[in-house]
Every structure is written in C-alpha cells, then in structure tokens.
PDB file of N, CA and C in Angstrom:
ATOM      1  N   MET A   1      -7.297  -1.708  17.246  1.00  0.00           N
ATOM      2  CA  MET A   1      -6.279  -1.789  17.541  1.00  0.00           C
ATOM      3  C   MET A   1      -5.898  -0.751  18.778  1.00  0.00           C
ATOM      4  N   ASN A   2      -7.276  -0.662  19.221  1.00  0.00           N
ATOM      5  CA  ASN A   2      -7.840   0.053  20.532  1.00  0.00           C
ATOM      6  C   ASN A   2      -6.900   1.162  20.973  1.00  0.00           C
ATOM      7  N   GLY A   3      -6.688   1.570  20.244  1.00  0.00           N
ATOM      8  CA  GLY A   3      -5.990   3.088  20.554  1.00  0.00           C
ATOM      9  C   GLY A   3      -4.718   3.206  21.020  1.00  0.00           C
ATOM     10  N   ILE A   4      -4.254   2.167  20.746  1.00  0.00           N
ATOM     11  CA  ILE A   4      -2.727   1.785  21.321  1.00  0.00           C
ATOM     12  C   ILE A   4      -1.906   1.613  19.945  1.00  0.00           C
ATOM     13  N   ILE A   5      -0.752   1.957  19.979  1.00  0.00           N
ATOM     14  CA  ILE A   5       0.081   2.537  18.895  1.00  0.00           C
ATOM     15  C   ILE A   5       1.585   1.779  19.556  1.00  0.00           C
ATOM     16  N   PRO A   6       1.821   0.761  18.735  1.00  0.00           N
ATOM     17  CA  PRO A   6       2.898   0.053  19.036  1.00  0.00           C
ATOM     18  C   PRO A   6       4.405   0.756  18.833  1.00  0.00           C
ATOM     19  N   ARG A   7       5.191   0.566  19.265  1.00  0.00           N
ATOM     20  CA  ARG A   7       6.869   1.412  19.336  1.00  0.00           C
ATOM     21  C   ARG A   7       7.534   1.120  17.790  1.00  0.00           C
ATOM     22  N   ASN A   8       7.208  -0.282  17.776  1.00  0.00           N
ATOM     23  CA  ASN A   8       8.495  -0.540  16.363  1.00  0.00           C
ATOM     24  C   ASN A   8       7.019  -1.148  15.623  1.00  0.00           C
ATOM     25  N   ARG A   9       7.900  -1.252  13.845  1.00  0.00           N
ATOM     26  CA  ARG A   9       6.949  -1.364  12.945  1.00  0.00           C
ATOM     27  C   ARG A   9       6.565  -3.290  13.286  1.00  0.00           C
ATOM     28  N   LYS A  10       7.191  -3.932  13.354  1.00  0.00           N
ATOM     29  CA  LYS A  10       7.311  -5.388  13.926  1.00  0.00           C
ATOM     30  C   LYS A  10       5.326  -5.486  15.190  1.00  0.00           C
ATOM     31  N   ALA A  11       5.719  -4.677  15.776  1.00  0.00           N
ATOM     32  CA  ALA A  11       4.637  -4.665  17.124  1.00  0.00           C
ATOM     33  C   ALA A  11       3.408  -4.214  16.703  1.00  0.00           C
ATOM     34  N   LEU A  12       3.760  -3.204  15.631  1.00  0.00           N
ATOM     35  CA  LEU A  12       2.711  -2.636  14.434  1.00  0.00           C
ATOM     36  C   LEU A  12       1.906  -3.632  13.796  1.00  0.00           C
ATOM     37  N   GLY A  13       3.035  -3.927  13.220  1.00  0.00           N
ATOM     38  CA  GLY A  13       2.198  -5.312  11.991  1.00  0.00           C
ATOM     39  C   GLY A  13       1.343  -5.924  12.605  1.00  0.00           C
ATOM     40  N   ASP A  14       2.337  -7.379  13.812  1.00  0.00           N
ATOM     41  CA  ASP A  14       1.528  -7.789  14.653  1.00  0.00           C
ATOM     42  C   ASP A  14       0.107  -7.111  15.254  1.00  0.00           C
ATOM     43  N   ALA A  15      -0.200  -6.382  15.777  1.00  0.00           N
ATOM     44  CA  ALA A  15      -1.270  -6.145  16.131  1.00  0.00           C
ATOM     45  C   ALA A  15      -2.405  -5.840  15.219  1.00  0.00           C
ATOM     46  N   GLY A  16      -1.649  -5.252  14.235  1.00  0.00           N
ATOM     47  CA  GLY A  16      -2.719  -4.666  13.086  1.00  0.00           C
ATOM     48  C   GLY A  16      -3.065  -6.345  12.340  1.00  0.00           C
ATOM     49  N   GLU A  17      -2.352  -6.905  12.474  1.00  0.00           N
ATOM     50  CA  GLU A  17      -2.919  -8.486  11.962  1.00  0.00           C
ATOM     51  C   GLU A  17      -4.107  -9.153  12.718  1.00  0.00           C
ATOM     52  N   GLU A  18      -3.597  -9.016  14.168  1.00  0.00           N
ATOM     53  CA  GLU A  18      -4.798  -9.782  15.174  1.00  0.00           C
ATOM     54  C   GLU A  18      -5.953  -8.818  15.370  1.00  0.00           C
ATOM     55  N   SER A  19      -5.752  -7.363  14.937  1.00  0.00           N
ATOM     56  CA  SER A  19      -6.899  -6.206  14.828  1.00  0.00           C
ATOM     57  C   SER A  19      -7.716  -6.658  13.990  1.00  0.00           C
ATOM     58  N   ALA A  20      -7.273  -7.111  12.685  1.00  0.00           N
ATOM     59  CA  ALA A  20      -7.635  -7.382  10.615  1.00  0.00           C
ATOM     60  C   ALA A  20      -8.276  -8.868  11.247  1.00  0.00           C
ATOM     61  N   ALA A  21      -7.841  -9.649  11.378  1.00  0.00           N
ATOM     62  CA  ALA A  21      -8.275 -11.004  12.045  1.00  0.00           C
ATOM     63  C   ALA A  21      -9.700 -11.189  12.822  1.00  0.00           C
ATOM     64  N   ARG A  22      -9.212 -10.212  13.910  1.00  0.00           N
ATOM     65  CA  ARG A  22     -10.565 -10.251  14.741  1.00  0.00           C
ATOM     66  C   ARG A  22     -12.015  -9.445  13.995  1.00  0.00           C
ATOM     67  N   HIS A  23     -11.846  -8.388  12.879  1.00  0.00           N
ATOM     68  CA  HIS A  23     -12.567  -8.165  12.270  1.00  0.00           C
ATOM     69  C   HIS A  23     -13.017  -8.553  11.114  1.00  0.00           C
ATOM     70  N   LEU A  24     -12.284  -9.783  10.344  1.00  0.00           N
ATOM     71  CA  LEU A  24     -12.642 -10.308  10.021  1.00  0.00           C
ATOM     72  C   LEU A  24     -13.254 -11.205  10.651  1.00  0.00           C
ATOM     73  N   ALA A  25     -13.338 -11.825  11.445  1.00  0.00           N
ATOM     74  CA  ALA A  25     -13.628 -13.120  12.296  1.00  0.00           C
ATOM     75  C   ALA A  25     -15.449 -12.726  12.518  1.00  0.00           C
ATOM     76  N   ALA A  26     -15.071 -11.231  13.185  1.00  0.00           N
ATOM     77  CA  ALA A  26     -17.033 -10.838  13.304  1.00  0.00           C
ATOM     78  C   ALA A  26     -17.685 -10.420  12.223  1.00  0.00           C
ATOM     79  N   GLU A  27     -17.104 -10.678  10.727  1.00  0.00           N
ATOM     80  CA  GLU A  27     -17.501 -10.221   9.722  1.00  0.00           C
ATOM     81  C   GLU A  27     -17.844 -11.658   9.242  1.00  0.00           C
ATOM     82  N   GLY A  28     -18.117 -12.426   9.690  1.00  0.00           N
ATOM     83  CA  GLY A  28     -18.233 -13.917   9.495  1.00  0.00           C
ATOM     84  C   GLY A  28     -17.119 -14.942   8.972  1.00  0.00           C
ATOM     85  N   LEU A  29     -16.377 -14.099   8.463  1.00  0.00           N
ATOM     86  CA  LEU A  29     -14.954 -15.450   7.869  1.00  0.00           C
ATOM     87  C   LEU A  29     -14.720 -16.322   8.730  1.00  0.00           C
ATOM     88  N   ALA A  30     -13.834 -17.100   8.088  1.00  0.00           N
ATOM     89  CA  ALA A  30     -13.206 -18.240   8.675  1.00  0.00           C
ATOM     90  C   ALA A  30     -11.353 -17.708   8.657  1.00  0.00           C
ATOM     91  N   ILE A  31     -11.140 -17.803   9.584  1.00  0.00           N
ATOM     92  CA  ILE A  31      -9.659 -17.701   9.426  1.00  0.00           C
ATOM     93  C   ILE A  31      -8.837 -18.924   9.191  1.00  0.00           C
ATOM     94  N   LEU A  32      -8.693 -19.745   8.329  1.00  0.00           N
ATOM     95  CA  LEU A  32      -7.758 -20.296   7.893  1.00  0.00           C
ATOM     96  C   LEU A  32      -6.358 -20.694   8.056  1.00  0.00           C
ATOM     97  N   ALA A  33      -5.255 -19.587   8.224  1.00  0.00           N
ATOM     98  CA  ALA A  33      -3.625 -19.465   8.402  1.00  0.00           C
ATOM     99  C   ALA A  33      -3.490 -17.977   8.317  1.00  0.00           C
ATOM    100  N   ARG A  34      -2.037 -18.058   9.626  1.00  0.00           N
ATOM    101  CA  ARG A  34      -1.524 -16.551   9.288  1.00  0.00           C
ATOM    102  C   ARG A  34      -0.010 -16.770   9.024  1.00  0.00           C
ATOM    103  N   ASN A  35       0.032 -15.689   8.407  1.00  0.00           N
ATOM    104  CA  ASN A  35       1.413 -15.487   7.885  1.00  0.00           C
ATOM    105  C   ASN A  35       1.781 -17.156   6.947  1.00  0.00           C
ATOM    106  N   PHE A  36       1.428 -17.219   5.948  1.00  0.00           N
ATOM    107  CA  PHE A  36       1.595 -17.945   4.805  1.00  0.00           C
ATOM    108  C   PHE A  36       2.762 -17.660   4.278  1.00  0.00           C
ATOM    109  N   ARG A  37       3.789 -18.013   4.416  1.00  0.00           N
ATOM    110  CA  ARG A  37       4.984 -17.958   3.535  1.00  0.00           C
ATOM    111  C   ARG A  37       5.457 -18.793   2.667  1.00  0.00           C
ATOM    112  N   VAL A  38       5.886 -18.619   1.368  1.00  0.00           N
ATOM    113  CA  VAL A  38       6.775 -19.315   0.276  1.00  0.00           C
ATOM    114  C   VAL A  38       7.853 -18.497   0.314  1.00  0.00           C
ATOM    115  N   LYS A  39       9.132 -18.914  -0.686  1.00  0.00           N
ATOM    116  CA  LYS A  39      10.007 -18.317  -1.222  1.00  0.00           C
ATOM    117  C   LYS A  39       8.978 -16.909  -2.455  1.00  0.00           C
ATOM    118  N   GLY A  40       9.329 -16.101  -1.782  1.00  0.00           N
ATOM    119  CA  GLY A  40       9.425 -15.166  -2.802  1.00  0.00           C
ATOM    120  C   GLY A  40       8.195 -14.046  -2.512  1.00  0.00           C
ATOM    121  N   GLY A  41       7.294 -14.552  -1.548  1.00  0.00           N
ATOM    122  CA  GLY A  41       5.378 -14.081  -1.039  1.00  0.00           C
ATOM    123  C   GLY A  41       5.347 -14.492   0.799  1.00  0.00           C
ATOM    124  N   GLU A  42       4.200 -14.039   1.027  1.00  0.00           N
ATOM    125  CA  GLU A  42       3.772 -13.760   2.102  1.00  0.00           C
ATOM    126  C   GLU A  42       2.592 -13.617   1.931  1.00  0.00           C
ATOM    127  N   ILE A  43       1.304 -14.558   3.110  1.00  0.00           N
ATOM    128  CA  ILE A  43       0.123 -13.794   3.330  1.00  0.00           C
ATOM    129  C   ILE A  43      -0.382 -13.908   4.369  1.00  0.00           C
ATOM    130  N   ASP A  44      -0.276 -12.564   4.836  1.00  0.00           N
ATOM    131  CA  ASP A  44      -0.715 -12.259   6.596  1.00  0.00           C
ATOM    132  C   ASP A  44      -2.249 -13.448   6.790  1.00  0.00           C
ATOM    133  N   LEU A  45      -3.473 -13.044   5.999  1.00  0.00           N
ATOM    134  CA  LEU A  45      -4.255 -13.744   6.435  1.00  0.00           C
ATOM    135  C   LEU A  45      -5.185 -14.474   5.388  1.00  0.00           C
ATOM    136  N   VAL A  46      -5.014 -16.156   5.388  1.00  0.00           N
ATOM    137  CA  VAL A  46      -5.628 -16.907   4.698  1.00  0.00           C
ATOM    138  C   VAL A  46      -7.626 -17.269   5.066  1.00  0.00           C
ATOM    139  N   CYS A  47      -8.400 -16.619   4.819  1.00  0.00           N
ATOM    140  CA  CYS A  47      -9.631 -16.812   5.455  1.00  0.00           C
ATOM    141  C   CYS A  47     -10.557 -17.859   4.023  1.00  0.00           C
ATOM    142  N   ARG A  48     -11.763 -17.706   4.564  1.00  0.00           N
ATOM    143  CA  ARG A  48     -12.685 -18.234   4.168  1.00  0.00           C
ATOM    144  C   ARG A  48     -14.307 -18.034   4.334  1.00  0.00           C
ATOM    145  N   GLU A  49     -14.413 -17.459   2.977  1.00  0.00           N
ATOM    146  CA  GLU A  49     -16.324 -16.566   3.432  1.00  0.00           C
ATOM    147  C   GLU A  49     -16.477 -17.722   2.181  1.00  0.00           C
ATOM    148  N   GLY A  50     -18.174 -18.782   3.035  1.00  0.00           N
ATOM    149  CA  GLY A  50     -18.632 -19.281   1.812  1.00  0.00           C
ATOM    150  C   GLY A  50     -17.622 -20.728   1.050  1.00  0.00           C
ATOM    151  N   GLY A  51     -17.811 -20.471  -0.430  1.00  0.00           N
ATOM    152  CA  GLY A  51     -16.798 -21.592  -1.173  1.00  0.00           C
ATOM    153  C   GLY A  51     -15.595 -21.063  -1.424  1.00  0.00           C
ATOM    154  N   ILE A  52     -15.278 -19.007  -1.329  1.00  0.00           N
ATOM    155  CA  ILE A  52     -14.059 -18.490  -1.554  1.00  0.00           C
ATOM    156  C   ILE A  52     -13.260 -18.626  -0.676  1.00  0.00           C
ATOM    157  N   THR A  53     -12.210 -18.812  -0.960  1.00  0.00           N
ATOM    158  CA  THR A  53     -11.349 -18.342  -0.484  1.00  0.00           C
ATOM    159  C   THR A  53     -10.346 -17.186  -0.386  1.00  0.00           C
ATOM    160  N   VAL A  54     -10.277 -16.620   0.650  1.00  0.00           N
ATOM    161  CA  VAL A  54     -10.168 -14.953   0.803  1.00  0.00           C
ATOM    162  C   VAL A  54      -8.544 -14.576   1.057  1.00  0.00           C
ATOM    163  N   PHE A  55      -7.578 -14.201   0.297  1.00  0.00           N
ATOM    164  CA  PHE A  55      -6.104 -13.756   0.604  1.00  0.00           C
ATOM    165  C   PHE A  55      -5.861 -12.378   0.884  1.00  0.00           C
ATOM    166  N   VAL A  56      -5.949 -12.115   2.298  1.00  0.00           N
ATOM    167  CA  VAL A  56      -5.838 -10.846   2.778  1.00  0.00           C
ATOM    168  C   VAL A  56      -4.579 -10.200   3.163  1.00  0.00           C
ATOM    169  N   GLU A  57      -4.490  -9.096   2.420  1.00  0.00           N
ATOM    170  CA  GLU A  57      -2.783  -8.215   2.721  1.00  0.00           C
ATOM    171  C   GLU A  57      -3.245  -7.541   4.329  1.00  0.00           C
ATOM    172  N   VAL A  58      -2.878  -7.186   5.049  1.00  0.00           N
ATOM    173  CA  VAL A  58      -2.731  -6.259   6.563  1.00  0.00           C
ATOM    174  C   VAL A  58      -1.851  -5.470   6.139  1.00  0.00           C
ATOM    175  N   ARG A  59      -2.292  -3.653   5.688  1.00  0.00           N
ATOM    176  CA  ARG A  59      -1.164  -3.143   6.364  1.00  0.00           C
ATOM    177  C   ARG A  59      -1.428  -1.837   7.293  1.00  0.00           C
ATOM    178  N   ALA A  60      -0.862  -2.298   8.344  1.00  0.00           N
ATOM    179  CA  ALA A  60      -1.122  -0.969   9.293  1.00  0.00           C
ATOM    180  C   ALA A  60       0.031   0.437   8.995  1.00  0.00           C
ATOM    181  N   ARG A  61      -0.518   1.629   9.623  1.00  0.00           N
ATOM    182  CA  ARG A  61       0.238   2.624   9.289  1.00  0.00           C
ATOM    183  C   ARG A  61       0.044   3.465  10.846  1.00  0.00           C
ATOM    184  N   ALA A  62       0.751   3.717  11.584  1.00  0.00           N
ATOM    185  CA  ALA A  62       1.106   4.465  12.657  1.00  0.00           C
ATOM    186  C   ALA A  62       0.163   6.356  12.298  1.00  0.00           C
ATOM    187  N   ARG A  63       0.744   6.338  10.878  1.00  0.00           N
ATOM    188  CA  ARG A  63       0.893   7.664  10.368  1.00  0.00           C
ATOM    189  C   ARG A  63       0.334   8.053   9.009  1.00  0.00           C
ATOM    190  N   THR A  64      -0.056   9.115   8.682  1.00  0.00           N
ATOM    191  CA  THR A  64      -0.418   8.926   7.049  1.00  0.00           C
ATOM    192  C   THR A  64       0.522   9.933   6.207  1.00  0.00           C
ATOM    193  N   ASP A  65       1.451  10.035   6.981  1.00  0.00           N
ATOM    194  CA  ASP A  65       2.535  11.436   6.313  1.00  0.00           C
ATOM    195  C   ASP A  65       3.126  10.568   4.789  1.00  0.00           C
ATOM    196  N   PHE A  66       3.033   9.262   4.921  1.00  0.00           N
ATOM    197  CA  PHE A  66       3.669   8.710   3.689  1.00  0.00           C
ATOM    198  C   PHE A  66       2.879   8.287   2.449  1.00  0.00           C
ATOM    199  N   GLY A  67       1.048   8.578   2.907  1.00  0.00           N
ATOM    200  CA  GLY A  67       0.674   8.278   1.845  1.00  0.00           C
ATOM    201  C   GLY A  67      -0.477   7.030   2.254  1.00  0.00           C
ATOM    202  N   GLY A  68       0.135   6.906   3.813  1.00  0.00           N
ATOM    203  CA  GLY A  68      -1.526   5.747   4.257  1.00  0.00           C
ATOM    204  C   GLY A  68      -0.669   4.035   3.787  1.00  0.00           C
ATOM    205  N   ALA A  69      -1.810   3.173   4.269  1.00  0.00           N
ATOM    206  CA  ALA A  69      -1.298   1.733   3.983  1.00  0.00           C
ATOM    207  C   ALA A  69      -1.650   1.218   2.667  1.00  0.00           C
ATOM    208  N   ALA A  70      -2.949   2.378   1.963  1.00  0.00           N
ATOM    209  CA  ALA A  70      -3.182   2.010   0.678  1.00  0.00           C
ATOM    210  C   ALA A  70      -2.216   1.976   0.118  1.00  0.00           C
ATOM    211  N   ALA A  71      -1.328   2.653  -0.155  1.00  0.00           N
ATOM    212  CA  ALA A  71      -0.378   3.629  -1.044  1.00  0.00           C
ATOM    213  C   ALA A  71       0.922   2.516  -0.995  1.00  0.00           C
ATOM    214  N   SER A  72       0.745   1.562   0.153  1.00  0.00           N
ATOM    215  CA  SER A  72       2.097   0.361   0.472  1.00  0.00           C
ATOM    216  C   SER A  72       1.548  -1.107  -0.576  1.00  0.00           C
ATOM    217  N   ILE A  73       0.589  -0.793  -1.086  1.00  0.00           N
ATOM    218  CA  ILE A  73       0.612  -2.405  -1.662  1.00  0.00           C
ATOM    219  C   ILE A  73       0.554  -2.152  -2.888  1.00  0.00           C
ATOM    220  N   THR A  74       2.017  -2.194  -3.825  1.00  0.00           N
ATOM    221  CA  THR A  74       2.337  -1.747  -4.420  1.00  0.00           C
ATOM    222  C   THR A  74       1.954  -2.953  -5.558  1.00  0.00           C
ATOM    223  N   PRO A  75       2.796  -2.946  -7.097  1.00  0.00           N
ATOM    224  CA  PRO A  75       1.759  -3.835  -8.348  1.00  0.00           C
ATOM    225  C   PRO A  75       3.295  -5.072  -7.603  1.00  0.00           C
ATOM    226  N   THR A  76       4.331  -4.594  -6.861  1.00  0.00           N
ATOM    227  CA  THR A  76       5.487  -5.841  -6.996  1.00  0.00           C
ATOM    228  C   THR A  76       5.164  -6.386  -5.944  1.00  0.00           C
ATOM    229  N   LYS A  77       4.195  -5.755  -5.031  1.00  0.00           N
ATOM    230  CA  LYS A  77       3.469  -6.272  -3.126  1.00  0.00           C
ATOM    231  C   LYS A  77       2.599  -7.262  -4.325  1.00  0.00           C
ATOM    232  N   GLN A  78       1.605  -6.955  -4.955  1.00  0.00           N
ATOM    233  CA  GLN A  78       0.566  -7.572  -5.544  1.00  0.00           C
ATOM    234  C   GLN A  78       1.304  -9.378  -6.009  1.00  0.00           C
ATOM    235  N   LYS A  79       2.348  -8.655  -6.511  1.00  0.00           N
ATOM    236  CA  LYS A  79       2.743 -10.036  -7.634  1.00  0.00           C
ATOM    237  C   LYS A  79       3.275 -11.128  -6.375  1.00  0.00           C
ATOM    238  N   ARG A  80       4.010 -10.875  -5.194  1.00  0.00           N
ATOM    239  CA  ARG A  80       3.964 -11.933  -4.527  1.00  0.00           C
ATOM    240  C   ARG A  80       2.810 -12.183  -3.945  1.00  0.00           C
ATOM    241  N   LEU A  81       2.346 -11.414  -3.322  1.00  0.00           N
ATOM    242  CA  LEU A  81       0.696 -11.930  -2.823  1.00  0.00           C
ATOM    243  C   LEU A  81       0.366 -12.644  -3.625  1.00  0.00           C
ATOM    244  N   ILE A  82      -0.061 -12.622  -5.117  1.00  0.00           N
ATOM    245  CA  ILE A  82      -0.249 -13.961  -5.780  1.00  0.00           C
ATOM    246  C   ILE A  82       0.178 -14.876  -6.511  1.00  0.00           C
ATOM    247  N   LEU A  83       2.092 -14.958  -6.162  1.00  0.00           N
ATOM    248  CA  LEU A  83       2.843 -15.753  -5.847  1.00  0.00           C
ATOM    249  C   LEU A  83       2.626 -16.900  -4.496  1.00  0.00           C
ATOM    250  N   ALA A  84       2.093 -16.067  -3.617  1.00  0.00           N
ATOM    251  CA  ALA A  84       2.018 -17.006  -2.488  1.00  0.00           C
ATOM    252  C   ALA A  84       0.631 -17.497  -2.112  1.00  0.00           C
ATOM    253  N   ALA A  85      -0.166 -17.170  -3.074  1.00  0.00           N
ATOM    254  CA  ALA A  85      -1.886 -17.961  -3.087  1.00  0.00           C
ATOM    255  C   ALA A  85      -1.946 -19.178  -4.109  1.00  0.00           C
ATOM    256  N   ARG A  86      -1.296 -18.373  -5.149  1.00  0.00           N
ATOM    257  CA  ARG A  86      -0.948 -19.752  -6.236  1.00  0.00           C
ATOM    258  C   ARG A  86      -0.494 -20.735  -5.213  1.00  0.00           C
ATOM    259  N   HIS A  87       0.746 -21.147  -4.829  1.00  0.00           N
ATOM    260  CA  HIS A  87       1.125 -21.853  -3.700  1.00  0.00           C
ATOM    261  C   HIS A  87       0.039 -22.501  -2.727  1.00  0.00           C
ATOM    262  N   TRP A  88      -0.808 -21.704  -2.287  1.00  0.00           N
ATOM    263  CA  TRP A  88      -1.825 -22.038  -1.121  1.00  0.00           C
ATOM    264  C   TRP A  88      -2.499 -22.797  -1.895  1.00  0.00           C
ATOM    265  N   LEU A  89      -2.877 -22.514  -3.306  1.00  0.00           N
ATOM    266  CA  LEU A  89      -4.078 -23.318  -4.071  1.00  0.00           C
ATOM    267  C   LEU A  89      -3.412 -24.802  -4.171  1.00  0.00           C
ATOM    268  N   ALA A  90      -2.269 -24.544  -4.917  1.00  0.00           N
ATOM    269  CA  ALA A  90      -1.675 -25.953  -5.208  1.00  0.00           C
ATOM    270  C   ALA A  90      -1.445 -26.985  -3.847  1.00  0.00           C
ATOM    271  N   ARG A  91      -1.701 -26.410  -3.087  1.00  0.00           N
ATOM    272  CA  ARG A  91      -1.526 -27.366  -1.940  1.00  0.00           C
ATOM    273  C   ARG A  91      -2.584 -27.735  -1.288  1.00  0.00           C
ATOM    274  N   HIS A  92      -3.876 -26.743  -1.156  1.00  0.00           N
ATOM    275  CA  HIS A  92      -5.364 -27.385  -0.917  1.00  0.00           C
ATOM    276  C   HIS A  92      -6.093 -26.973  -1.332  1.00  0.00           C
ATOM    277  N   GLY A  93      -5.934 -27.073  -2.726  1.00  0.00           N
ATOM    278  CA  GLY A  93      -6.781 -27.636  -3.566  1.00  0.00           C
ATOM    279  C   GLY A  93      -7.449 -26.040  -4.258  1.00  0.00           C
ATOM    280  N   ASP A  94      -7.297 -26.322  -5.793  1.00  0.00           N
ATOM    281  CA  ASP A  94      -7.841 -24.942  -6.238  1.00  0.00           C
ATOM    282  C   ASP A  94      -9.455 -24.700  -6.038  1.00  0.00           C
ATOM    283  N   SER A  95      -9.503 -23.695  -5.551  1.00  0.00           N
ATOM    284  CA  SER A  95     -10.905 -22.869  -5.411  1.00  0.00           C
ATOM    285  C   SER A  95     -10.755 -21.166  -5.757  1.00  0.00           C
ATOM    286  N   PRO A  96     -12.394 -20.844  -6.113  1.00  0.00           N
ATOM    287  CA  PRO A  96     -12.901 -19.580  -6.499  1.00  0.00           C
ATOM    288  C   PRO A  96     -12.331 -18.666  -5.437  1.00  0.00           C
ATOM    289  N   CYS A  97     -11.079 -18.061  -5.765  1.00  0.00           N
ATOM    290  CA  CYS A  97     -10.447 -16.935  -4.830  1.00  0.00           C
ATOM    291  C   CYS A  97     -10.676 -15.523  -4.969  1.00  0.00           C
ATOM    292  N   ARG A  98     -10.406 -14.517  -3.932  1.00  0.00           N
ATOM    293  CA  ARG A  98      -9.959 -12.970  -4.098  1.00  0.00           C
ATOM    294  C   ARG A  98      -8.936 -12.730  -3.877  1.00  0.00           C
ATOM    295  N   PHE A  99      -8.298 -11.456  -3.349  1.00  0.00           N
ATOM    296  CA  PHE A  99      -7.220 -10.388  -2.780  1.00  0.00           C
ATOM    297  C   PHE A  99      -8.519  -9.934  -1.913  1.00  0.00           C
ATOM    298  N   ASP A 100      -8.414 -10.079  -0.757  1.00  0.00           N
ATOM    299  CA  ASP A 100      -8.875  -8.465  -0.439  1.00  0.00           C
ATOM    300  C   ASP A 100      -7.748  -7.730   0.923  1.00  0.00           C
ATOM    301  N   CYS A 101      -7.480  -6.939   1.235  1.00  0.00           N
ATOM    302  CA  CYS A 101      -7.122  -5.508   1.833  1.00  0.00           C
ATOM    303  C   CYS A 101      -7.515  -5.162   3.182  1.00  0.00           C
ATOM    304  N   VAL A 102      -6.969  -5.237   4.289  1.00  0.00           N
ATOM    305  CA  VAL A 102      -7.587  -4.503   5.802  1.00  0.00           C
ATOM    306  C   VAL A 102      -6.376  -3.505   5.839  1.00  0.00           C
ATOM    307  N   LEU A 103      -6.872  -2.134   5.990  1.00  0.00           N
ATOM    308  CA  LEU A 103      -5.723  -0.743   6.073  1.00  0.00           C
ATOM    309  C   LEU A 103      -6.294  -0.513   7.056  1.00  0.00           C
ATOM    310  N   ILE A 104      -5.273  -0.478   8.199  1.00  0.00           N
ATOM    311  CA  ILE A 104      -5.456   0.336   9.337  1.00  0.00           C
ATOM    312  C   ILE A 104      -4.018   1.361   9.480  1.00  0.00           C
ATOM    313  N   ASP A 105      -5.438   2.713   9.666  1.00  0.00           N
ATOM    314  CA  ASP A 105      -4.291   3.928   9.184  1.00  0.00           C
ATOM    315  C   ASP A 105      -5.013   4.141  10.768  1.00  0.00           C
ATOM    316  N   GLY A 106      -3.473   4.654  11.698  1.00  0.00           N
ATOM    317  CA  GLY A 106      -4.056   5.427  13.001  1.00  0.00           C
ATOM    318  C   GLY A 106      -5.087   4.823  13.404  1.00  0.00           C
ATOM    319  N   GLY A 107      -5.256   3.360  13.452  1.00  0.00           N
ATOM    320  CA  GLY A 107      -6.366   2.780  14.237  1.00  0.00           C
ATOM    321  C   GLY A 107      -7.406   2.682  13.812  1.00  0.00           C
ATOM    322  N   LYS A 108      -7.594   3.374  12.821  1.00  0.00           N
ATOM    323  CA  LYS A 108      -9.253   3.163  12.021  1.00  0.00           C
ATOM    324  C   LYS A 108      -8.702   1.639  10.953  1.00  0.00           C
ATOM    325  N   ILE A 109     -10.067   1.371  10.848  1.00  0.00           N
ATOM    326  CA  ILE A 109      -9.862  -0.231  10.230  1.00  0.00           C
ATOM    327  C   ILE A 109     -10.831   0.290   9.090  1.00  0.00           C
ATOM    328  N   GLU A 110     -10.176  -0.380   7.705  1.00  0.00           N
ATOM    329  CA  GLU A 110     -10.993  -0.121   6.226  1.00  0.00           C
ATOM    330  C   GLU A 110     -10.871  -1.256   5.821  1.00  0.00           C
ATOM    331  N   TRP A 111     -12.001  -1.970   5.524  1.00  0.00           N
ATOM    332  CA  TRP A 111     -11.561  -3.526   4.488  1.00  0.00           C
ATOM    333  C   TRP A 111     -12.160  -3.830   3.296  1.00  0.00           C
ATOM    334  N   LEU A 112     -10.984  -3.473   1.953  1.00  0.00           N
ATOM    335  CA  LEU A 112     -11.227  -3.672   0.795  1.00  0.00           C
ATOM    336  C   LEU A 112     -11.556  -5.208   0.033  1.00  0.00           C
ATOM    337  N   LYS A 113     -12.643  -5.456  -0.053  1.00  0.00           N
ATOM    338  CA  LYS A 113     -12.831  -6.316  -0.752  1.00  0.00           C
ATOM    339  C   LYS A 113     -12.575  -6.416  -2.186  1.00  0.00           C
ATOM    340  N   ASP A 114     -11.784  -7.493  -2.326  1.00  0.00           N
ATOM    341  CA  ASP A 114     -11.216  -7.852  -4.092  1.00  0.00           C
ATOM    342  C   ASP A 114     -10.703  -6.484  -4.712  1.00  0.00           C
ATOM    343  N   ALA A 115      -9.696  -6.311  -3.320  1.00  0.00           N
ATOM    344  CA  ALA A 115      -8.729  -4.977  -3.956  1.00  0.00           C
ATOM    345  C   ALA A 115      -8.017  -5.367  -5.391  1.00  0.00           C
ATOM    346  N   PHE A 116      -7.786  -6.646  -5.757  1.00  0.00           N
ATOM    347  CA  PHE A 116      -7.173  -6.587  -6.669  1.00  0.00           C
ATOM    348  C   PHE A 116      -7.254  -8.298  -7.352  1.00  0.00           C
ATOM    349  N   ARG A 117      -7.025  -8.311  -8.607  1.00  0.00           N
ATOM    350  CA  ARG A 117      -6.799  -9.780  -9.386  1.00  0.00           C
ATOM    351  C   ARG A 117      -5.927 -10.715  -9.668  1.00  0.00           C
ATOM    352  N   LEU A 118      -6.207 -12.276  -9.291  1.00  0.00           N
ATOM    353  CA  LEU A 118      -5.224 -13.130  -9.838  1.00  0.00           C
ATOM    354  C   LEU A 118      -4.596 -12.825 -10.902  1.00  0.00           C
ATOM    355  N   ASP A 119      -5.157 -12.699 -12.166  1.00  0.00           N
ATOM    356  CA  ASP A 119      -5.023 -12.448 -13.417  1.00  0.00           C
ATOM    357  C   ASP A 119      -4.248 -11.314 -13.738  1.00  0.00           C
TER     358      ASP A 119
END
C-alpha cells in the first residue's frame, strides 16, 4: 500500500486488495477473478497456482488496536468464504483448492498460505 493509508474503510479495502493482487502475481499466482460474490459470501481474489485454485481473503487494517487483520477472520467469515468457494468450484469445475489470507497491517503485507480448510 506504499505507505499511504486511505481515509475510509472502502478505500483501505480496495487499496489492500490491489496490493495483495500485485504481491500474489509477483509470487507467480494468476489472478482469475476479483470480488466473486454469491448470496451469503464473497471471495476477494480467486487465483491459480499450478493446478490449485487459491481462494484469497484480504484483510487490511490501518491500525492494530483491535487485534489486527488476522483477528478479523472469524469462523463465521470462514464459512462465508467456503460457501462462495463451493459456488466457484461448481461453476468452474472442481479442482484441488486452498484458502489463503493476505493480511495487511499498517501497510505491511503477510501472506498466509493454506490458512484454513474446506472441510
């Protein structure tokens, strides 16, 4: 996020997703979709790494007062991501998949591979 902290949550989220997409692309992942939405869930980034579909949740926080980005990925949030992932796989073909998280706290990016499981 280049040291610039946007003024509102939407702008912060958009900037975080853009930073995450650039970071993942630089690491060799192909970005297939952004903000894939279904009733009850959304996936920020859908990527491909080799033969694996990677569903990515991006969490950006300008401050860490309330536990930081990682603390915001609750079991409820995970269920919504899994719901959306099942829809993606049903539409685009079942394939091996994993759930990654890109956490951005105060501009610092951390990529957690295989952060949680489909089951």
